[in-house]
Amino acid sequence: MSTLRILVGVKRVVDYAVKIRVNAARTGVEKASVQHSMNPFCEIALEESLRLKKAFPGTAVAAASLGPSAAAETLRTALAMGADTAVHVVVQEDEAGLGAEPLAVARVLKAIVERDGVGLVLLGKQAIDGDSNQTGQMLAGMLGWPQATFASKVELSSDGARVEVTREVDGGLETLSLPMPAVITCDLRLNEPRFATLPNIMKAKKKKIETVTAADFVGEEAMKRRLEVLKVEEPAKRKSGVMVKDVDELIDKLKNEAKLF
């Protein structure tokens, strides 16, 4: 098997443990002074690439992220976990705190794939901020590559010619066999990401991150936003529950207040 180059997309998002709040302008969530981290699904994709790297010596793993200067921190984490190289495509957020749309991200990733001779792309199935679940599918379409989404198991053949992907569907599990090169989006149960060790974190701080602009790959016109956020609101607060004395009172409330039947 010849040297395999894997590209992994990693996105900087508000940490999943943070209780998010809508900003004053109601254009998005409050991001100032809020803990950020790597998108959990991207972390799973990175972990899977590192396991493939261990199973197939000579494999090279590159991490790529689109975002403001702070996105470099996410790439440092990827390097500390075991990625060989990192590419930071600088994309500034607008007044609403929104970055590149999935279509623009797919265009940039396509350019990186073609420039670097990538043979496999691993992405998280979605980001926990936008929940778009679009980038992987768009990228596969642009490249003309086969794709497998929501992967819960990935097995690469010994000669690197095919990849077998098990994915979760409503009726159970579906197994696909794809010719390489391919695009795979990773689901929650694919693996358990490793923690970066302190020595590797220190080493990652000294590693070079390639910093470019989106215009270097696709031009500014291709990065323009096509969607407009009209308003962001918090979910309506749920009413407090009430205690009922007996089954008859419960049925009465369900029928006359909740209008369930």
C-alpha atoms as a PDB file:
ATOM      1  CA  MET A   1       0.000   0.000   0.000  1.00  0.00           C
ATOM      2  CA  SER A   2       1.375   3.398  -0.996  1.00  0.00           C
ATOM      3  CA  THR A   3       1.550   6.282   1.470  1.00  0.00           C
ATOM      4  CA  LEU A   4      -1.936   7.389   2.472  1.00  0.00           C
ATOM      5  CA  ARG A   5      -2.626  11.030   3.260  1.00  0.00           C
ATOM      6  CA  ILE A   6      -5.646  11.646   5.487  1.00  0.00           C
ATOM      7  CA  LEU A   7      -7.250  15.054   5.862  1.00  0.00           C
ATOM      8  CA  VAL A   8      -9.306  15.733   8.986  1.00  0.00           C
ATOM      9  CA  GLY A   9     -11.484  18.801   9.407  1.00  0.00           C
ATOM     10  CA  VAL A  10     -11.527  20.217  12.940  1.00  0.00           C
ATOM     11  CA  LYS A  11     -13.801  23.065  14.000  1.00  0.00           C
ATOM     12  CA  ARG A  12     -13.553  25.379  16.999  1.00  0.00           C
ATOM     13  CA  VAL A  13     -16.920  25.601  18.761  1.00  0.00           C
ATOM     14  CA  VAL A  14     -18.314  26.684  22.100  1.00  0.00           C
ATOM     15  CA  ASP A  15     -17.522  23.865  24.525  1.00  0.00           C
ATOM     16  CA  TYR A  16     -20.336  21.326  24.812  1.00  0.00           C
ATOM     17  CA  ALA A  17     -20.416  21.726  28.609  1.00  0.00           C
ATOM     18  CA  VAL A  18     -21.098  25.480  28.447  1.00  0.00           C
ATOM     19  CA  LYS A  19     -24.650  26.671  28.980  1.00  0.00           C
ATOM     20  CA  ILE A  20     -25.143  28.880  25.949  1.00  0.00           C
ATOM     21  CA  ARG A  21     -26.937  32.223  25.997  1.00  0.00           C
ATOM     22  CA  VAL A  22     -28.407  34.232  23.121  1.00  0.00           C
ATOM     23  CA  ASN A  23     -26.506  37.484  22.569  1.00  0.00           C
ATOM     24  CA  ALA A  24     -28.118  40.895  23.089  1.00  0.00           C
ATOM     25  CA  ALA A  25     -28.619  41.465  19.354  1.00  0.00           C
ATOM     26  CA  ARG A  26     -30.364  38.086  18.993  1.00  0.00           C
ATOM     27  CA  THR A  27     -28.150  37.224  16.046  1.00  0.00           C
ATOM     28  CA  GLY A  28     -26.473  34.186  17.603  1.00  0.00           C
ATOM     29  CA  VAL A  29     -25.055  32.887  20.879  1.00  0.00           C
ATOM     30  CA  GLU A  30     -22.759  34.768  23.209  1.00  0.00           C
ATOM     31  CA  LYS A  31     -19.131  33.821  22.489  1.00  0.00           C
ATOM     32  CA  ALA A  32     -17.145  36.429  24.383  1.00  0.00           C
ATOM     33  CA  SER A  33     -15.296  35.040  27.419  1.00  0.00           C
ATOM     34  CA  VAL A  34     -16.780  31.599  26.771  1.00  0.00           C
ATOM     35  CA  GLN A  35     -14.796  28.360  26.787  1.00  0.00           C
ATOM     36  CA  HIS A  36     -14.221  26.906  23.308  1.00  0.00           C
ATOM     37  CA  SER A  37     -12.931  23.491  22.282  1.00  0.00           C
ATOM     38  CA  MET A  38     -12.745  21.139  19.327  1.00  0.00           C
ATOM     39  CA  ASN A  39     -16.106  20.012  17.998  1.00  0.00           C
ATOM     40  CA  PRO A  40     -16.706  16.552  19.587  1.00  0.00           C
ATOM     41  CA  PHE A  41     -17.499  14.872  16.258  1.00  0.00           C
ATOM     42  CA  CYS A  42     -14.338  16.337  14.713  1.00  0.00           C
ATOM     43  CA  GLU A  43     -12.404  14.940  17.668  1.00  0.00           C
ATOM     44  CA  ILE A  44     -13.806  11.489  16.904  1.00  0.00           C
ATOM     45  CA  ALA A  45     -12.788  11.855  13.238  1.00  0.00           C
ATOM     46  CA  LEU A  46      -9.264  12.819  14.303  1.00  0.00           C
ATOM     47  CA  GLU A  47      -9.025   9.849  16.663  1.00  0.00           C
ATOM     48  CA  GLU A  48     -10.051   7.481  13.870  1.00  0.00           C
ATOM     49  CA  SER A  49      -7.403   8.917  11.557  1.00  0.00           C
ATOM     50  CA  LEU A  50      -4.758   8.351  14.229  1.00  0.00           C
ATOM     51  CA  ARG A  51      -5.833   4.729  14.641  1.00  0.00           C
ATOM     52  CA  LEU A  52      -5.546   4.225  10.885  1.00  0.00           C
ATOM     53  CA  LYS A  53      -2.110   5.846  11.031  1.00  0.00           C
ATOM     54  CA  LYS A  54      -1.024   3.319  13.641  1.00  0.00           C
ATOM     55  CA  ALA A  55      -2.468   0.384  11.694  1.00  0.00           C
ATOM     56  CA  PHE A  56      -0.875   1.480   8.402  1.00  0.00           C
ATOM     57  CA  PRO A  57       2.679   2.779   8.953  1.00  0.00           C
ATOM     58  CA  GLY A  58       3.609   5.631   6.661  1.00  0.00           C
ATOM     59  CA  THR A  59       0.167   7.198   6.790  1.00  0.00           C
ATOM     60  CA  ALA A  60       0.214  10.980   7.222  1.00  0.00           C
ATOM     61  CA  VAL A  61      -2.542  12.876   9.015  1.00  0.00           C
ATOM     62  CA  ALA A  62      -3.227  16.553   8.334  1.00  0.00           C
ATOM     63  CA  ALA A  63      -5.707  18.654  10.308  1.00  0.00           C
ATOM     64  CA  ALA A  64      -7.422  21.675   8.772  1.00  0.00           C
ATOM     65  CA  SER A  65      -9.563  24.353  10.362  1.00  0.00           C
ATOM     66  CA  LEU A  66     -11.365  27.429   9.035  1.00  0.00           C
ATOM     67  CA  GLY A  67     -11.853  30.241  11.492  1.00  0.00           C
ATOM     68  CA  PRO A  68     -10.389  33.300  13.230  1.00  0.00           C
ATOM     69  CA  SER A  69      -6.951  33.407  14.845  1.00  0.00           C
ATOM     70  CA  ALA A  70      -8.222  31.518  17.901  1.00  0.00           C
ATOM     71  CA  ALA A  71      -8.827  28.455  15.691  1.00  0.00           C
ATOM     72  CA  ALA A  72      -5.065  27.878  15.875  1.00  0.00           C
ATOM     73  CA  GLU A  73      -5.616  26.638  19.438  1.00  0.00           C
ATOM     74  CA  THR A  74      -7.833  23.850  18.090  1.00  0.00           C
ATOM     75  CA  LEU A  75      -5.131  22.887  15.612  1.00  0.00           C
ATOM     76  CA  ARG A  76      -2.571  22.812  18.440  1.00  0.00           C
ATOM     77  CA  THR A  77      -4.827  20.306  20.173  1.00  0.00           C
ATOM     78  CA  ALA A  78      -4.957  18.215  16.986  1.00  0.00           C
ATOM     79  CA  LEU A  79      -1.149  18.247  16.770  1.00  0.00           C
ATOM     80  CA  ALA A  80      -0.882  17.271  20.433  1.00  0.00           C
ATOM     81  CA  MET A  81      -3.208  14.333  19.844  1.00  0.00           C
ATOM     82  CA  GLY A  82      -0.998  13.075  17.002  1.00  0.00           C
ATOM     83  CA  ALA A  83      -1.692  14.897  13.729  1.00  0.00           C
ATOM     84  CA  ASP A  84       1.442  15.384  11.628  1.00  0.00           C
ATOM     85  CA  THR A  85       0.637  18.755  10.053  1.00  0.00           C
ATOM     86  CA  ALA A  86      -1.970  21.488  10.388  1.00  0.00           C
ATOM     87  CA  VAL A  87      -3.486  24.074   8.055  1.00  0.00           C
ATOM     88  CA  HIS A  88      -5.235  27.158   9.399  1.00  0.00           C
ATOM     89  CA  VAL A  89      -7.442  28.872   6.843  1.00  0.00           C
ATOM     90  CA  VAL A  90      -8.133  32.281   8.341  1.00  0.00           C
ATOM     91  CA  VAL A  91     -11.817  33.217   8.078  1.00  0.00           C
ATOM     92  CA  GLN A  92     -13.111  36.072  10.189  1.00  0.00           C
ATOM     93  CA  GLU A  93     -16.532  35.897  11.795  1.00  0.00           C
ATOM     94  CA  ASP A  94     -19.104  38.546  10.899  1.00  0.00           C
ATOM     95  CA  GLU A  95     -20.947  40.892  13.268  1.00  0.00           C
ATOM     96  CA  ALA A  96     -23.335  38.095  14.195  1.00  0.00           C
ATOM     97  CA  GLY A  97     -20.462  35.801  15.139  1.00  0.00           C
ATOM     98  CA  LEU A  98     -20.970  33.563  12.104  1.00  0.00           C
ATOM     99  CA  GLY A  99     -18.091  32.046  10.164  1.00  0.00           C
ATOM    100  CA  ALA A 100     -17.894  30.185   6.866  1.00  0.00           C
ATOM    101  CA  GLU A 101     -20.963  28.328   5.631  1.00  0.00           C
ATOM    102  CA  PRO A 102     -20.755  24.569   4.859  1.00  0.00           C
ATOM    103  CA  LEU A 103     -20.568  25.197   1.103  1.00  0.00           C
ATOM    104  CA  ALA A 104     -17.596  27.512   1.510  1.00  0.00           C
ATOM    105  CA  VAL A 105     -15.878  25.080   3.893  1.00  0.00           C
ATOM    106  CA  ALA A 106     -16.342  22.248   1.376  1.00  0.00           C
ATOM    107  CA  ARG A 107     -14.804  24.378  -1.370  1.00  0.00           C
ATOM    108  CA  VAL A 108     -11.713  25.122   0.709  1.00  0.00           C
ATOM    109  CA  LEU A 109     -11.312  21.493   1.796  1.00  0.00           C
ATOM    110  CA  LYS A 110     -11.580  20.413  -1.844  1.00  0.00           C
ATOM    111  CA  ALA A 111      -8.726  22.748  -2.735  1.00  0.00           C
ATOM    112  CA  ILE A 112      -6.573  21.332   0.088  1.00  0.00           C
ATOM    113  CA  VAL A 113      -7.353  17.763  -1.005  1.00  0.00           C
ATOM    114  CA  GLU A 114      -6.281  18.492  -4.570  1.00  0.00           C
ATOM    115  CA  ARG A 115      -3.176  20.437  -3.542  1.00  0.00           C
ATOM    116  CA  ASP A 116      -1.879  17.860  -1.062  1.00  0.00           C
ATOM    117  CA  GLY A 117      -2.851  14.608  -2.796  1.00  0.00           C
ATOM    118  CA  VAL A 118      -5.199  13.492  -0.020  1.00  0.00           C
ATOM    119  CA  GLY A 119      -6.617   9.967  -0.334  1.00  0.00           C
ATOM    120  CA  LEU A 120      -9.122   9.933   2.534  1.00  0.00           C
ATOM    121  CA  VAL A 121     -11.126  12.692   4.217  1.00  0.00           C
ATOM    122  CA  LEU A 122     -12.555  12.195   7.703  1.00  0.00           C
ATOM    123  CA  LEU A 123     -14.991  14.740   9.098  1.00  0.00           C
ATOM    124  CA  GLY A 124     -17.358  14.934  12.021  1.00  0.00           C
ATOM    125  CA  LYS A 125     -20.928  14.227  10.923  1.00  0.00           C
ATOM    126  CA  GLN A 126     -21.877  17.738  12.076  1.00  0.00           C
ATOM    127  CA  ALA A 127     -20.749  20.619  14.267  1.00  0.00           C
ATOM    128  CA  ILE A 128     -22.591  21.134  17.533  1.00  0.00           C
ATOM    129  CA  ASP A 129     -23.040  24.859  16.883  1.00  0.00           C
ATOM    130  CA  GLY A 130     -24.669  24.973  13.434  1.00  0.00           C
ATOM    131  CA  ASP A 131     -25.790  21.312  13.268  1.00  0.00           C
ATOM    132  CA  SER A 132     -25.764  21.611   9.478  1.00  0.00           C
ATOM    133  CA  ASN A 133     -24.578  18.076   8.609  1.00  0.00           C
ATOM    134  CA  GLN A 134     -23.693  19.241   5.079  1.00  0.00           C
ATOM    135  CA  THR A 135     -19.956  19.729   4.611  1.00  0.00           C
ATOM    136  CA  GLY A 136     -18.983  16.077   4.091  1.00  0.00           C
ATOM    137  CA  GLN A 137     -21.742  15.451   1.570  1.00  0.00           C
ATOM    138  CA  MET A 138     -20.959  18.631  -0.373  1.00  0.00           C
ATOM    139  CA  LEU A 139     -17.243  17.843  -0.408  1.00  0.00           C
ATOM    140  CA  ALA A 140     -17.831  14.324  -1.738  1.00  0.00           C
ATOM    141  CA  GLY A 141     -20.059  15.711  -4.475  1.00  0.00           C
ATOM    142  CA  MET A 142     -17.495  18.308  -5.518  1.00  0.00           C
ATOM    143  CA  LEU A 143     -14.684  15.758  -5.613  1.00  0.00           C
ATOM    144  CA  GLY A 144     -16.792  13.074  -7.281  1.00  0.00           C
ATOM    145  CA  TRP A 145     -15.762  10.669  -4.513  1.00  0.00           C
ATOM    146  CA  PRO A 146     -17.887   8.007  -2.808  1.00  0.00           C
ATOM    147  CA  GLN A 147     -19.084   8.910   0.670  1.00  0.00           C
ATOM    148  CA  ALA A 148     -20.264   7.208   3.853  1.00  0.00           C
ATOM    149  CA  THR A 149     -21.987   9.212   6.562  1.00  0.00           C
ATOM    150  CA  PHE A 150     -22.629   8.577  10.279  1.00  0.00           C
ATOM    151  CA  ALA A 151     -19.842   5.992  10.478  1.00  0.00           C
ATOM    152  CA  SER A 152     -19.775   3.827  13.612  1.00  0.00           C
ATOM    153  CA  LYS A 153     -16.991   1.549  12.313  1.00  0.00           C
ATOM    154  CA  VAL A 154     -14.257   2.043   9.694  1.00  0.00           C
ATOM    155  CA  GLU A 155     -12.059  -0.735   8.278  1.00  0.00           C
ATOM    156  CA  LEU A 156      -9.465  -0.081   5.576  1.00  0.00           C
ATOM    157  CA  SER A 157      -8.378  -2.991   3.381  1.00  0.00           C
ATOM    158  CA  SER A 158      -4.770  -4.143   3.614  1.00  0.00           C
ATOM    159  CA  ASP A 159      -3.960  -2.791   0.150  1.00  0.00           C
ATOM    160  CA  GLY A 160      -5.726   0.517   0.812  1.00  0.00           C
ATOM    161  CA  ALA A 161      -7.951   0.068  -2.229  1.00  0.00           C
ATOM    162  CA  ARG A 162     -11.275  -0.066  -0.377  1.00  0.00           C
ATOM    163  CA  VAL A 163     -12.763   1.037   2.922  1.00  0.00           C
ATOM    164  CA  GLU A 164     -15.640  -0.714   4.677  1.00  0.00           C
ATOM    165  CA  VAL A 165     -17.897   1.522   6.734  1.00  0.00           C
ATOM    166  CA  THR A 166     -20.642   0.492   9.138  1.00  0.00           C
ATOM    167  CA  ARG A 167     -23.240   3.187   9.720  1.00  0.00           C
ATOM    168  CA  GLU A 168     -26.261   3.433  11.957  1.00  0.00           C
ATOM    169  CA  VAL A 169     -29.642   3.695  10.253  1.00  0.00           C
ATOM    170  CA  ASP A 170     -33.204   3.650  11.586  1.00  0.00           C
ATOM    171  CA  GLY A 171     -33.558  -0.092  11.050  1.00  0.00           C
ATOM    172  CA  GLY A 172     -30.209  -1.104  12.553  1.00  0.00           C
ATOM    173  CA  LEU A 173     -26.768  -1.155  10.920  1.00  0.00           C
ATOM    174  CA  GLU A 174     -25.788  -0.741   7.284  1.00  0.00           C
ATOM    175  CA  THR A 175     -22.364  -1.755   5.936  1.00  0.00           C
ATOM    176  CA  LEU A 176     -20.933  -0.063   2.846  1.00  0.00           C
ATOM    177  CA  SER A 177     -17.822  -0.943   0.844  1.00  0.00           C
ATOM    178  CA  LEU A 178     -16.308   2.086  -0.885  1.00  0.00           C
ATOM    179  CA  PRO A 179     -13.437   2.356  -3.367  1.00  0.00           C
ATOM    180  CA  MET A 180     -10.721   4.759  -2.310  1.00  0.00           C
ATOM    181  CA  PRO A 181     -10.385   7.733  -2.276  1.00  0.00           C
ATOM    182  CA  ALA A 182     -13.451   8.511  -0.181  1.00  0.00           C
ATOM    183  CA  VAL A 183     -15.110  10.927   2.243  1.00  0.00           C
ATOM    184  CA  ILE A 184     -16.366   9.637   5.611  1.00  0.00           C
ATOM    185  CA  THR A 185     -18.296  11.506   8.292  1.00  0.00           C
ATOM    186  CA  CYS A 186     -18.006  10.125  11.807  1.00  0.00           C
ATOM    187  CA  ASP A 187     -20.702   9.453  14.384  1.00  0.00           C
ATOM    188  CA  LEU A 188     -20.583   9.406  18.169  1.00  0.00           C
ATOM    189  CA  ARG A 189     -20.046   5.675  18.691  1.00  0.00           C
ATOM    190  CA  LEU A 190     -17.116   5.276  16.306  1.00  0.00           C
ATOM    191  CA  ASN A 191     -14.488   5.562  19.042  1.00  0.00           C
ATOM    192  CA  GLU A 192     -13.434   7.226  22.283  1.00  0.00           C
ATOM    193  CA  PRO A 193     -10.964  10.067  21.554  1.00  0.00           C
ATOM    194  CA  ARG A 194      -7.671  10.044  23.419  1.00  0.00           C
ATOM    195  CA  PHE A 195      -6.466  12.782  25.723  1.00  0.00           C
ATOM    196  CA  ALA A 196      -3.428  14.775  24.663  1.00  0.00           C
ATOM    197  CA  THR A 197      -0.544  14.150  27.060  1.00  0.00           C
ATOM    198  CA  LEU A 198       1.360  17.052  28.633  1.00  0.00           C
ATOM    199  CA  PRO A 199       4.627  16.272  26.766  1.00  0.00           C
ATOM    200  CA  ASN A 200       2.761  16.215  23.452  1.00  0.00           C
ATOM    201  CA  ILE A 201       0.972  19.459  24.310  1.00  0.00           C
ATOM    202  CA  MET A 202       4.352  21.110  24.912  1.00  0.00           C
ATOM    203  CA  LYS A 203       5.742  19.715  21.664  1.00  0.00           C
ATOM    204  CA  ALA A 204       2.682  20.910  19.745  1.00  0.00           C
ATOM    205  CA  LYS A 205       3.335  24.488  20.847  1.00  0.00           C
ATOM    206  CA  LYS A 206       6.597  24.424  18.906  1.00  0.00           C
ATOM    207  CA  LYS A 207       5.192  22.881  15.728  1.00  0.00           C
ATOM    208  CA  LYS A 208       4.546  25.075  12.716  1.00  0.00           C
ATOM    209  CA  ILE A 209       0.988  25.652  11.543  1.00  0.00           C
ATOM    210  CA  GLU A 210       0.509  26.613   7.911  1.00  0.00           C
ATOM    211  CA  THR A 211      -1.552  29.808   7.894  1.00  0.00           C
ATOM    212  CA  VAL A 212      -3.334  30.862   4.714  1.00  0.00           C
ATOM    213  CA  THR A 213      -6.459  32.753   3.697  1.00  0.00           C
ATOM    214  CA  ALA A 214      -9.491  31.359   1.939  1.00  0.00           C
ATOM    215  CA  ALA A 215      -8.682  33.623  -0.990  1.00  0.00           C
ATOM    216  CA  ASP A 216      -5.453  31.650  -1.469  1.00  0.00           C
ATOM    217  CA  PHE A 217      -7.599  28.643  -2.376  1.00  0.00           C
ATOM    218  CA  VAL A 218     -10.981  29.659  -3.743  1.00  0.00           C
ATOM    219  CA  GLY A 219     -11.218  33.454  -3.848  1.00  0.00           C
ATOM    220  CA  GLU A 220     -13.313  35.782  -1.710  1.00  0.00           C
ATOM    221  CA  GLU A 221     -16.426  35.518  -3.896  1.00  0.00           C
ATOM    222  CA  ALA A 222     -16.751  31.809  -3.125  1.00  0.00           C
ATOM    223  CA  MET A 223     -16.639  32.560   0.615  1.00  0.00           C
ATOM    224  CA  LYS A 224     -19.527  35.029   0.679  1.00  0.00           C
ATOM    225  CA  ARG A 225     -22.412  34.088   2.941  1.00  0.00           C
ATOM    226  CA  ARG A 226     -25.641  33.109   1.193  1.00  0.00           C
ATOM    227  CA  LEU A 227     -27.770  32.688   4.290  1.00  0.00           C
ATOM    228  CA  GLU A 228     -29.046  35.388   6.622  1.00  0.00           C
ATOM    229  CA  VAL A 229     -29.958  34.764  10.238  1.00  0.00           C
ATOM    230  CA  LEU A 230     -33.120  36.726  10.967  1.00  0.00           C
ATOM    231  CA  LYS A 231     -33.401  36.084  14.688  1.00  0.00           C
ATOM    232  CA  VAL A 232     -32.193  33.681  17.360  1.00  0.00           C
ATOM    233  CA  GLU A 233     -34.364  32.999  20.393  1.00  0.00           C
ATOM    234  CA  GLU A 234     -34.055  30.822  23.447  1.00  0.00           C
ATOM    235  CA  PRO A 235     -36.562  27.960  23.764  1.00  0.00           C
ATOM    236  CA  ALA A 236     -39.751  28.849  25.606  1.00  0.00           C
ATOM    237  CA  LYS A 237     -39.535  28.058  29.300  1.00  0.00           C
ATOM    238  CA  ARG A 238     -41.469  24.987  30.331  1.00  0.00           C
ATOM    239  CA  LYS A 239     -44.278  25.387  32.824  1.00  0.00           C
ATOM    240  CA  SER A 240     -43.761  23.777  36.198  1.00  0.00           C
ATOM    241  CA  GLY A 241     -45.476  20.453  36.800  1.00  0.00           C
ATOM    242  CA  VAL A 242     -48.490  19.982  39.043  1.00  0.00           C
ATOM    243  CA  MET A 243     -49.477  17.216  41.421  1.00  0.00           C
ATOM    244  CA  VAL A 244     -52.817  15.473  40.930  1.00  0.00           C
ATOM    245  CA  LYS A 245     -54.815  13.685  43.593  1.00  0.00           C
ATOM    246  CA  ASP A 246     -55.958  10.715  41.573  1.00  0.00           C
ATOM    247  CA  VAL A 247     -56.303   9.188  38.108  1.00  0.00           C
ATOM    248  CA  ASP A 248     -59.611  10.913  37.463  1.00  0.00           C
ATOM    249  CA  GLU A 249     -58.052  14.339  37.949  1.00  0.00           C
ATOM    250  CA  LEU A 250     -55.135  13.365  35.698  1.00  0.00           C
ATOM    251  CA  ILE A 251     -57.493  12.293  32.910  1.00  0.00           C
ATOM    252  CA  ASP A 252     -59.492  15.494  33.328  1.00  0.00           C
ATOM    253  CA  LYS A 253     -56.390  17.687  32.940  1.00  0.00           C
ATOM    254  CA  LEU A 254     -55.127  15.725  29.935  1.00  0.00           C
ATOM    255  CA  LYS A 255     -58.489  16.037  28.261  1.00  0.00           C
ATOM    256  CA  ASN A 256     -59.523  19.601  29.102  1.00  0.00           C
ATOM    257  CA  GLU A 257     -56.228  21.448  29.614  1.00  0.00           C
ATOM    258  CA  ALA A 258     -53.694  19.608  27.464  1.00  0.00           C
ATOM    259  CA  LYS A 259     -56.351  18.728  24.840  1.00  0.00           C
ATOM    260  CA  LEU A 260     -54.682  15.352  24.191  1.00  0.00           C
ATOM    261  CA  PHE A 261     -57.969  13.578  23.480  1.00  0.00           C
END
